[in-house]
């Protein structure tokens, strides 16, 4: 009798399809199974270790990513508005740079900070910033941006409810001369883009807190970090850095008049923004250059060393690129005030510009001291101010001209104190930097730019 396989002879049994498949495999491919078993046995131990480690690392990365997405903190923005009935509206509140706006805003921000610092949200609260003070028949309507950090896994409804509850309960209990009408309190959550836009359109704000490691020289010291000096601009002639400048609006810069000595054709000038000259964060064409009418082209003439530059298109304000505040003409920056000067200038006298922005801390020196015979011998006029140190070393240098000298007020808002103008070389003893005094030319800047 012919013996045949189950397939060939239509043999049927009661086994399952899986059992049949195993039977066929074991019958027809015994050599293959033996070879596979031997191949597995031949894998070297170090290869097994590599596979195990790779799998473990992969799992750790996946778990870490999931944990990060669920647990990491993210900024949440809110707009709080309320009516203050104990303060009469003052027209000076219309401009953020006035002392009146600064004083009331500082009081409001202190009040808000006390509200949240004393609550269960103290570790979540980051800052508050008054963005506007508006008139009301019975007082002043304040609009404040609040910034918190919450875990990304927390829902928007939950975090809004927590902030709103604390604001409503504690604002009334906070001891202050500011009387807030509780019925007018409104809290609105803002998306990141809108929150950023509100803050970035307030002059003089730096989004991060930066620490300084003492006095450093631009001519060899401390590099600036992203967002540290967002109002710094570079003005470039035929694509090459010529001078620094300061952003005072999304279409206007202020700089030194001597930067344009001999070349005032705006078609040859561009402006770039960000801490690097190459590549910049943004770059704009120049539409118009306005040099002070009384500035002379004489090499030794440092009077009226101020100019404004109008851009052909608006700057896109971000946390890394936006405007500095201009002080009021009546504002006084006292002698010995700490300021910072920034620029891409040379590291030594007659050197070359650098690619990354640098910074130096200097102090205002009185004109009386600066006009001493051994210093500048009477050359400092009311439109100028000196900043630096009589012992030298810390100073601006060539290529820093036109750039900002800035100071932060008690709210942490940065104001433009001076414009890098001139000096006797760089960092010499008894030869501090000389700057165009911005308050002296404040009305001229307003007359040309409307700012």
Protein backbone atom coordinates (compact mmCIF):
# COMPACT_ATOMS: atom_id res chain seq x y z
CA UNK A 1 0.00 0.00 0.00
CA UNK A 2 1.21 3.46 -0.92
CA UNK A 3 2.22 5.59 2.04
CA UNK A 4 1.65 9.30 1.50
CA UNK A 5 1.60 12.59 3.43
CA UNK A 6 -1.59 14.14 4.68
CA UNK A 7 -1.50 16.80 1.98
CA UNK A 8 -0.93 14.39 -0.90
CA UNK A 9 -3.50 11.81 0.12
CA UNK A 10 -6.14 14.05 1.67
CA UNK A 11 -5.48 12.58 5.11
CA UNK A 12 -7.74 14.07 7.79
CA UNK A 13 -7.31 14.06 11.52
CA UNK A 14 -8.79 15.86 14.48
CA UNK A 15 -5.86 18.17 15.03
CA UNK A 16 -6.08 21.94 14.83
CA UNK A 17 -4.51 23.90 11.90
CA UNK A 18 -1.62 24.98 14.22
CA UNK A 19 -0.91 21.32 15.10
CA UNK A 20 -0.95 20.38 11.43
CA UNK A 21 1.50 23.14 10.58
CA UNK A 22 3.89 22.00 13.30
CA UNK A 23 3.66 18.43 12.10
CA UNK A 24 4.52 19.43 8.57
CA UNK A 25 7.42 21.61 9.72
CA UNK A 26 8.89 18.95 11.93
CA UNK A 27 8.55 16.41 9.19
CA UNK A 28 9.80 18.44 6.23
CA UNK A 29 12.30 20.93 7.75
CA UNK A 30 14.11 19.30 10.68
CA UNK A 31 17.50 20.53 9.38
CA UNK A 32 16.31 24.13 9.27
CA UNK A 33 15.16 24.09 12.88
CA UNK A 34 18.47 22.64 14.04
CA UNK A 35 20.40 25.37 12.17
CA UNK A 36 18.26 28.13 13.71
CA UNK A 37 18.83 26.73 17.20
CA UNK A 38 22.58 26.62 16.60
CA UNK A 39 22.59 30.20 15.23
CA UNK A 40 20.92 31.51 18.37
CA UNK A 41 23.41 29.63 20.53
CA UNK A 42 26.30 31.14 18.53
CA UNK A 43 25.38 34.85 19.39
CA UNK A 44 28.26 36.27 21.36
CA UNK A 45 27.52 37.47 24.93
CA UNK A 46 28.64 41.06 24.24
CA UNK A 47 26.13 41.29 21.40
CA UNK A 48 23.39 40.13 23.73
CA UNK A 49 24.51 42.80 26.22
CA UNK A 50 24.40 45.50 23.52
CA UNK A 51 20.87 44.47 22.53
CA UNK A 52 19.70 44.48 26.15
CA UNK A 53 21.26 47.90 26.84
CA UNK A 54 19.81 49.36 23.63
CA UNK A 55 16.33 48.18 24.55
CA UNK A 56 16.73 49.56 28.08
CA UNK A 57 17.92 52.96 26.81
CA UNK A 58 15.09 53.09 24.33
CA UNK A 59 12.53 52.35 27.02
CA UNK A 60 14.11 54.97 29.31
CA UNK A 61 13.93 57.61 26.57
CA UNK A 62 10.28 56.82 25.87
CA UNK A 63 9.41 56.92 29.57
CA UNK A 64 11.38 60.15 30.03
CA UNK A 65 9.64 61.81 27.08
CA UNK A 66 6.22 60.81 28.37
CA UNK A 67 7.11 62.08 31.86
CA UNK A 68 8.40 65.38 30.42
CA UNK A 69 5.26 65.93 28.36
CA UNK A 70 3.04 65.20 31.34
CA UNK A 71 4.97 66.87 34.15
CA UNK A 72 7.12 69.75 32.85
CA UNK A 73 6.10 73.32 33.63
CA UNK A 74 5.02 75.79 30.99
CA UNK A 75 4.26 79.50 31.08
CA UNK A 76 0.60 80.46 31.40
CA UNK A 77 -0.49 84.05 30.74
CA UNK A 78 -3.51 85.90 32.12
CA UNK A 79 -4.85 89.41 31.78
CA UNK A 80 -6.30 90.86 34.97
CA UNK A 81 -8.25 94.11 34.82
CA UNK A 82 -9.83 96.02 37.69
CA UNK A 83 -10.91 99.51 38.70
CA UNK A 84 -8.93 101.44 41.31
CA UNK A 85 -11.26 103.97 42.93
CA UNK A 86 -8.80 105.57 45.35
CA UNK A 87 -6.68 107.19 42.60
CA UNK A 88 -7.74 109.97 40.22
CA UNK A 89 -6.72 109.57 36.61
CA UNK A 90 -3.70 111.61 35.53
CA UNK A 91 -3.02 112.33 31.82
CA UNK A 92 0.62 111.36 32.51
CA UNK A 93 -0.60 107.74 32.76
CA UNK A 94 -0.98 107.72 28.98
CA UNK A 95 2.78 107.24 28.51
CA UNK A 96 4.54 104.28 30.08
CA UNK A 97 7.80 106.22 30.47
CA UNK A 98 6.53 108.90 32.86
CA UNK A 99 7.33 108.87 36.56
CA UNK A 100 3.59 108.95 37.30
CA UNK A 101 2.99 105.74 35.31
CA UNK A 102 6.03 104.08 36.87
CA UNK A 103 5.05 104.92 40.45
CA UNK A 104 1.43 103.73 40.20
CA UNK A 105 2.42 100.64 38.19
CA UNK A 106 5.01 99.70 40.77
CA UNK A 107 2.42 99.95 43.53
CA UNK A 108 -0.03 97.79 41.57
CA UNK A 109 2.61 95.16 40.76
CA UNK A 110 3.69 95.07 44.42
CA UNK A 111 0.08 94.54 45.46
CA UNK A 112 -0.39 91.71 42.95
CA UNK A 113 2.85 90.07 44.06
CA UNK A 114 1.72 90.16 47.69
CA UNK A 115 -1.57 88.53 46.67
CA UNK A 116 0.08 85.52 45.05
CA UNK A 117 3.29 85.25 47.10
CA UNK A 118 1.15 84.75 50.19
CA UNK A 119 -1.03 82.06 48.61
CA UNK A 120 -0.72 78.38 47.67
CA UNK A 121 0.30 79.61 44.18
CA UNK A 122 3.46 81.29 45.48
CA UNK A 123 5.74 78.78 43.74
CA UNK A 124 3.76 79.08 40.50
CA UNK A 125 3.68 82.88 40.31
CA UNK A 126 6.41 84.43 38.12
CA UNK A 127 5.62 88.10 37.63
CA UNK A 128 3.04 90.79 36.91
CA UNK A 129 3.37 93.74 34.58
CA UNK A 130 1.03 96.70 34.16
CA UNK A 131 0.43 97.23 30.44
CA UNK A 132 -2.03 100.12 30.59
CA UNK A 133 -3.73 102.60 32.90
CA UNK A 134 -7.00 103.93 31.44
CA UNK A 135 -9.34 106.72 32.58
CA UNK A 136 -12.63 105.92 34.29
CA UNK A 137 -15.24 108.31 35.74
CA UNK A 138 -14.50 107.05 39.26
CA UNK A 139 -10.80 106.25 39.06
CA UNK A 140 -8.21 104.34 37.03
CA UNK A 141 -8.76 101.09 35.13
CA UNK A 142 -5.64 98.93 35.33
CA UNK A 143 -4.75 96.16 32.90
CA UNK A 144 -2.09 93.73 34.16
CA UNK A 145 -0.44 90.72 32.53
CA UNK A 146 0.19 87.87 34.98
CA UNK A 147 2.69 85.10 34.26
CA UNK A 148 2.67 81.71 36.02
CA UNK A 149 4.32 78.33 35.55
CA UNK A 150 1.99 75.34 35.72
CA UNK A 151 2.51 71.66 34.85
CA UNK A 152 1.53 71.13 31.23
CA UNK A 153 -0.78 68.30 32.33
CA UNK A 154 -2.96 70.77 34.29
CA UNK A 155 -6.01 71.83 32.31
CA UNK A 156 -6.57 75.47 31.40
CA UNK A 157 -9.86 75.49 33.29
CA UNK A 158 -8.17 74.24 36.46
CA UNK A 159 -5.33 76.77 36.44
CA UNK A 160 -7.63 79.65 35.53
CA UNK A 161 -9.89 78.70 38.42
CA UNK A 162 -6.98 78.65 40.87
CA UNK A 163 -5.66 82.05 39.78
CA UNK A 164 -9.12 83.61 39.74
CA UNK A 165 -9.97 82.24 43.20
CA UNK A 166 -6.80 83.65 44.76
CA UNK A 167 -7.24 87.00 43.01
CA UNK A 168 -10.83 87.43 44.17
CA UNK A 169 -10.24 86.27 47.74
CA UNK A 170 -6.93 87.93 48.52
CA UNK A 171 -6.99 91.17 46.53
CA UNK A 172 -9.52 92.66 48.93
CA UNK A 173 -7.57 91.50 51.99
CA UNK A 174 -4.21 92.83 50.84
CA UNK A 175 -3.21 95.88 52.84
CA UNK A 176 -2.62 98.79 50.47
CA UNK A 177 -3.76 102.32 49.83
CA UNK A 178 -5.15 101.13 46.50
CA UNK A 179 -8.88 100.53 46.79
CA UNK A 180 -9.99 97.94 44.19
CA UNK A 181 -13.66 97.67 43.24
CA UNK A 182 -14.18 93.90 43.61
CA UNK A 183 -17.11 93.86 41.18
CA UNK A 184 -14.84 95.01 38.35
CA UNK A 185 -12.20 92.26 38.60
CA UNK A 186 -11.93 90.30 35.36
CA UNK A 187 -9.45 87.52 34.62
CA UNK A 188 -8.87 86.30 31.06
CA UNK A 189 -6.51 83.53 30.00
CA UNK A 190 -4.18 84.48 27.13
CA UNK A 191 -2.48 82.12 24.73
CA UNK A 192 1.31 82.28 24.63
CA UNK A 193 1.38 84.35 21.44
CA UNK A 194 -0.95 87.01 22.79
CA UNK A 195 0.77 87.08 26.17
CA UNK A 196 4.16 87.46 24.53
CA UNK A 197 2.85 90.20 22.22
CA UNK A 198 1.49 92.24 25.13
CA UNK A 199 4.77 92.06 27.02
CA UNK A 200 7.03 92.51 23.98
CA UNK A 201 5.21 95.71 23.07
CA UNK A 202 6.05 97.19 26.46
CA UNK A 203 9.38 98.98 26.22
CA UNK A 204 12.37 98.08 28.36
CA UNK A 205 11.30 94.57 29.39
CA UNK A 206 13.67 91.64 29.58
CA UNK A 207 11.85 88.34 29.75
CA UNK A 208 14.53 86.52 31.76
CA UNK A 209 16.51 87.36 34.85
CA UNK A 210 20.22 87.55 34.13
CA UNK A 211 23.01 87.65 36.67
CA UNK A 212 26.20 89.59 36.13
CA UNK A 213 29.60 88.38 37.21
CA UNK A 214 30.99 91.76 38.16
CA UNK A 215 32.61 94.42 36.02
CA UNK A 216 33.70 93.20 32.60
CA UNK A 217 35.18 94.86 29.57
CA UNK A 218 33.50 94.90 26.19
CA UNK A 219 37.07 94.90 24.92
CA UNK A 220 37.73 91.36 26.08
CA UNK A 221 35.13 90.14 28.52
CA UNK A 222 31.56 89.13 28.89
CA UNK A 223 29.40 87.94 26.03
CA UNK A 224 25.70 88.72 26.01
CA UNK A 225 23.07 85.98 25.95
CA UNK A 226 19.88 85.66 23.91
CA UNK A 227 17.24 88.15 25.02
CA UNK A 228 19.60 89.94 27.40
CA UNK A 229 19.65 93.25 25.49
CA UNK A 230 16.73 92.95 23.01
CA UNK A 231 16.84 96.61 21.93
CA UNK A 232 20.38 96.40 20.57
CA UNK A 233 20.70 96.91 16.81
CA UNK A 234 23.56 96.96 14.33
CA UNK A 235 23.55 99.50 11.51
CA UNK A 236 25.57 98.37 8.53
CA UNK A 237 27.07 100.16 5.56
CA UNK A 238 27.09 98.03 2.42
CA UNK A 239 26.54 94.97 4.60
CA UNK A 240 29.39 95.65 7.08
CA UNK A 241 28.80 96.57 10.72
CA UNK A 242 29.45 100.28 11.22
CA UNK A 243 27.75 101.24 14.49
CA UNK A 244 25.36 100.18 17.20
CA UNK A 245 21.86 101.59 17.64
CA UNK A 246 18.85 101.25 19.94
CA UNK A 247 15.32 100.18 18.99
CA UNK A 248 12.84 102.79 20.22
CA UNK A 249 9.81 101.55 18.21
CA UNK A 250 9.10 98.92 15.58
CA UNK A 251 10.16 101.37 12.84
CA UNK A 252 12.65 103.75 14.52
CA UNK A 253 16.20 103.46 15.84
CA UNK A 254 18.33 106.05 17.62
CA UNK A 255 22.10 106.20 17.17
CA UNK A 256 25.05 108.59 16.87
CA UNK A 257 25.26 111.19 14.12
CA UNK A 258 28.95 110.55 13.48
CA UNK A 259 28.11 107.04 12.24
CA UNK A 260 26.88 108.60 9.00
CA UNK A 261 29.82 110.89 8.45
CA UNK A 262 30.32 111.05 4.68
CA UNK A 263 27.58 108.51 3.79
CA UNK A 264 23.93 109.39 4.34
CA UNK A 265 22.34 107.58 1.40
CA UNK A 266 19.78 105.25 3.09
CA UNK A 267 19.98 102.78 0.17
CA UNK A 268 23.47 101.77 1.33
CA UNK A 269 22.40 101.09 4.91
CA UNK A 270 20.71 98.14 6.61
CA UNK A 271 19.95 97.26 10.22
CA UNK A 272 20.15 93.86 11.89
CA UNK A 273 18.92 92.57 15.25
CA UNK A 274 19.86 89.82 17.69
CA UNK A 275 23.08 89.08 19.57
CA UNK A 276 24.91 87.81 16.46
CA UNK A 277 25.90 89.90 13.46
CA UNK A 278 25.96 86.72 11.39
CA UNK A 279 23.36 85.28 11.27
CA UNK A 280 21.01 87.96 12.65
CA UNK A 281 17.57 87.35 14.11
CA UNK A 282 16.07 89.93 11.73
CA UNK A 283 17.36 92.32 9.10
CA UNK A 284 15.72 95.46 7.70
CA UNK A 285 16.38 98.01 4.99
CA UNK A 286 16.74 101.67 5.96
CA UNK A 287 14.25 104.16 4.56
CA UNK A 288 15.41 107.44 6.07
CA UNK A 289 18.30 108.85 8.10
CA UNK A 290 17.79 112.03 10.13
CA UNK A 291 20.96 113.56 11.57
CA UNK A 292 20.68 116.41 14.05
CA UNK A 293 20.63 119.65 12.09
CA UNK A 294 23.40 121.22 14.16
CA UNK A 295 25.81 118.31 13.95
CA UNK A 296 28.98 119.25 12.05
CA UNK A 297 31.21 116.95 10.03
CA UNK A 298 34.35 118.14 11.75
CA UNK A 299 36.36 115.32 13.27
CA UNK A 300 36.71 116.96 16.67
CA UNK A 301 33.16 118.27 16.85
CA UNK A 302 31.22 116.00 19.25
CA UNK A 303 28.25 118.27 19.87
CA UNK A 304 24.75 117.17 18.74
CA UNK A 305 25.97 113.62 18.12
CA UNK A 306 22.51 112.07 17.69
CA UNK A 307 20.55 110.69 14.74
CA UNK A 308 17.39 108.67 14.20
CA UNK A 309 16.87 105.99 11.54
CA UNK A 310 13.51 105.05 10.03
CA UNK A 311 13.22 101.48 8.75
CA UNK A 312 11.55 100.51 5.47
CA UNK A 313 9.42 97.86 7.22
CA UNK A 314 8.41 97.16 10.80
CA UNK A 315 10.45 94.98 13.14
CA UNK A 316 8.62 91.89 14.40
CA UNK A 317 8.83 92.28 18.17
CA UNK A 318 9.78 89.10 20.04
CA UNK A 319 11.27 88.35 23.45
CA UNK A 320 14.71 88.68 21.79
CA UNK A 321 14.02 91.82 19.72
CA UNK A 322 12.02 94.81 21.01
CA UNK A 323 12.32 98.40 22.20
CA UNK A 324 14.04 100.15 25.09
CA UNK A 325 12.24 102.95 26.98
CA UNK A 326 13.15 106.58 26.37
CA UNK A 327 13.30 108.68 29.56
CA UNK A 328 11.37 111.89 29.93
CA UNK A 329 13.38 115.05 29.25
CA UNK A 330 13.09 116.02 32.93
CA UNK A 331 14.43 112.72 34.26
CA UNK A 332 17.73 112.80 36.16
CA UNK A 333 20.11 109.84 36.35
CA UNK A 334 22.26 110.52 39.43
CA UNK A 335 26.05 110.36 39.46
CA UNK A 336 27.45 106.91 40.22
CA UNK A 337 24.33 105.21 38.81
CA UNK A 338 25.12 101.71 37.55
CA UNK A 339 24.54 101.32 33.80
CA UNK A 340 25.37 98.81 31.08
CA UNK A 341 26.89 99.51 27.69
CA UNK A 342 26.66 96.92 24.90
CA UNK A 343 28.08 96.52 21.42
CA UNK A 344 30.04 94.57 18.83
CA UNK A 345 33.03 96.89 19.07
CA UNK A 346 36.72 96.07 18.96
CA UNK A 347 38.38 94.11 21.74
CA UNK A 348 41.24 96.64 21.80
CA UNK A 349 41.94 100.08 20.43
CA UNK A 350 41.99 100.06 16.61
CA UNK A 351 40.90 96.40 16.61
CA UNK A 352 38.12 94.66 14.71
CA UNK A 353 34.46 94.16 15.54
CA UNK A 354 33.31 90.86 17.07
CA UNK A 355 30.41 88.69 15.94
CA UNK A 356 28.70 88.18 19.30
CA UNK A 357 27.36 91.09 21.34
CA UNK A 358 29.34 92.04 24.46
CA UNK A 359 28.43 93.98 27.58
CA UNK A 360 30.11 95.99 30.32
CA UNK A 361 28.92 97.53 33.55
CA UNK A 362 29.93 101.16 34.04
CA UNK A 363 28.96 104.01 36.35
CA UNK A 364 27.95 107.58 35.57
CA UNK A 365 30.72 110.06 36.36
CA UNK A 366 29.76 113.64 37.15
CA UNK A 367 30.48 116.26 34.50
CA UNK A 368 32.42 118.21 37.11
CA UNK A 369 34.84 115.32 37.58
CA UNK A 370 34.94 114.56 33.87
CA UNK A 371 35.83 118.17 33.07
CA UNK A 372 38.91 118.15 35.28
CA UNK A 373 42.14 119.07 33.56
CA UNK A 374 43.59 115.56 33.77
CA UNK A 375 40.39 114.00 32.41
CA UNK A 376 38.74 115.88 29.52
CA UNK A 377 39.68 119.45 30.44
CA UNK A 378 36.31 121.14 30.00
CA UNK A 379 35.21 119.31 26.83
CA UNK A 380 32.06 117.82 28.40
CA UNK A 381 28.98 119.90 27.58
CA UNK A 382 25.41 119.63 28.96
CA UNK A 383 24.47 117.33 26.05
CA UNK A 384 27.10 114.77 27.07
CA UNK A 385 27.70 112.48 30.03
CA UNK A 386 30.67 110.36 31.11
CA UNK A 387 30.41 106.74 32.23
CA UNK A 388 33.09 104.27 33.19
CA UNK A 389 35.90 104.35 35.75
CA UNK A 390 38.75 106.80 36.17
CA UNK A 391 41.13 103.87 36.60
CA UNK A 392 40.22 102.79 33.06
CA UNK A 393 40.01 99.25 31.65
CA UNK A 394 36.21 99.11 31.44
CA UNK A 395 34.99 100.95 28.37
CA UNK A 396 33.33 100.91 24.99
CA UNK A 397 35.53 100.92 21.89
CA UNK A 398 35.49 101.45 18.13
CA UNK A 399 32.42 99.83 16.60
CA UNK A 400 30.34 100.39 19.76
CA UNK A 401 29.50 103.94 18.64
CA UNK A 402 25.79 104.69 18.48
CA UNK A 403 24.96 101.84 20.84
CA UNK A 404 22.99 102.01 24.08
CA UNK A 405 23.95 102.91 27.62
CA UNK A 406 21.02 101.68 29.73
CA UNK A 407 19.81 101.63 33.33
CA UNK A 408 17.00 99.65 35.00
CA UNK A 409 14.56 101.48 37.26
CA UNK A 410 12.95 100.08 40.41
CA UNK A 411 10.38 98.11 38.34
CA UNK A 412 13.16 96.42 36.37
CA UNK A 413 12.31 98.45 33.26
CA UNK A 414 15.33 99.53 31.18
CA UNK A 415 15.79 103.12 30.01
CA UNK A 416 18.17 104.58 27.46
CA UNK A 417 20.55 106.85 29.35
CA UNK A 418 23.15 107.57 26.68
CA UNK A 419 24.42 106.90 23.16
CA UNK A 420 28.05 105.81 22.72
CA UNK A 421 29.73 108.91 21.25
CA UNK A 422 33.47 109.41 21.77
CA UNK A 423 36.49 108.99 24.03
CA UNK A 424 40.27 109.02 24.09
CA UNK A 425 41.12 105.52 22.81
CA UNK A 426 39.60 102.64 24.86
CA UNK A 427 39.89 101.96 28.57
CA UNK A 428 42.67 104.45 29.31
CA UNK A 429 43.00 105.81 32.88
CA UNK A 430 41.28 109.17 33.31
CA UNK A 431 39.63 108.77 29.89
CA UNK A 432 36.15 107.26 30.47
CA UNK A 433 33.62 106.87 27.69
CA UNK A 434 31.63 109.94 26.66
CA UNK A 435 27.97 109.49 25.69
CA UNK A 436 25.28 111.64 24.13
CA UNK A 437 22.88 112.47 26.97
CA UNK A 438 19.45 111.20 25.85
CA UNK A 439 17.39 113.40 28.19
CA UNK A 440 19.04 116.49 26.66
CA UNK A 441 17.88 115.45 23.17
CA UNK A 442 14.60 113.83 24.22
CA UNK A 443 12.41 116.55 22.72
CA UNK A 444 14.39 116.50 19.46
CA UNK A 445 13.89 112.72 19.18
CA UNK A 446 10.14 113.17 19.76
CA UNK A 447 9.94 115.94 17.15
CA UNK A 448 11.40 113.63 14.48
CA UNK A 449 9.80 110.31 15.38
CA UNK A 450 6.66 111.10 17.39
CA UNK A 451 7.97 108.80 20.15
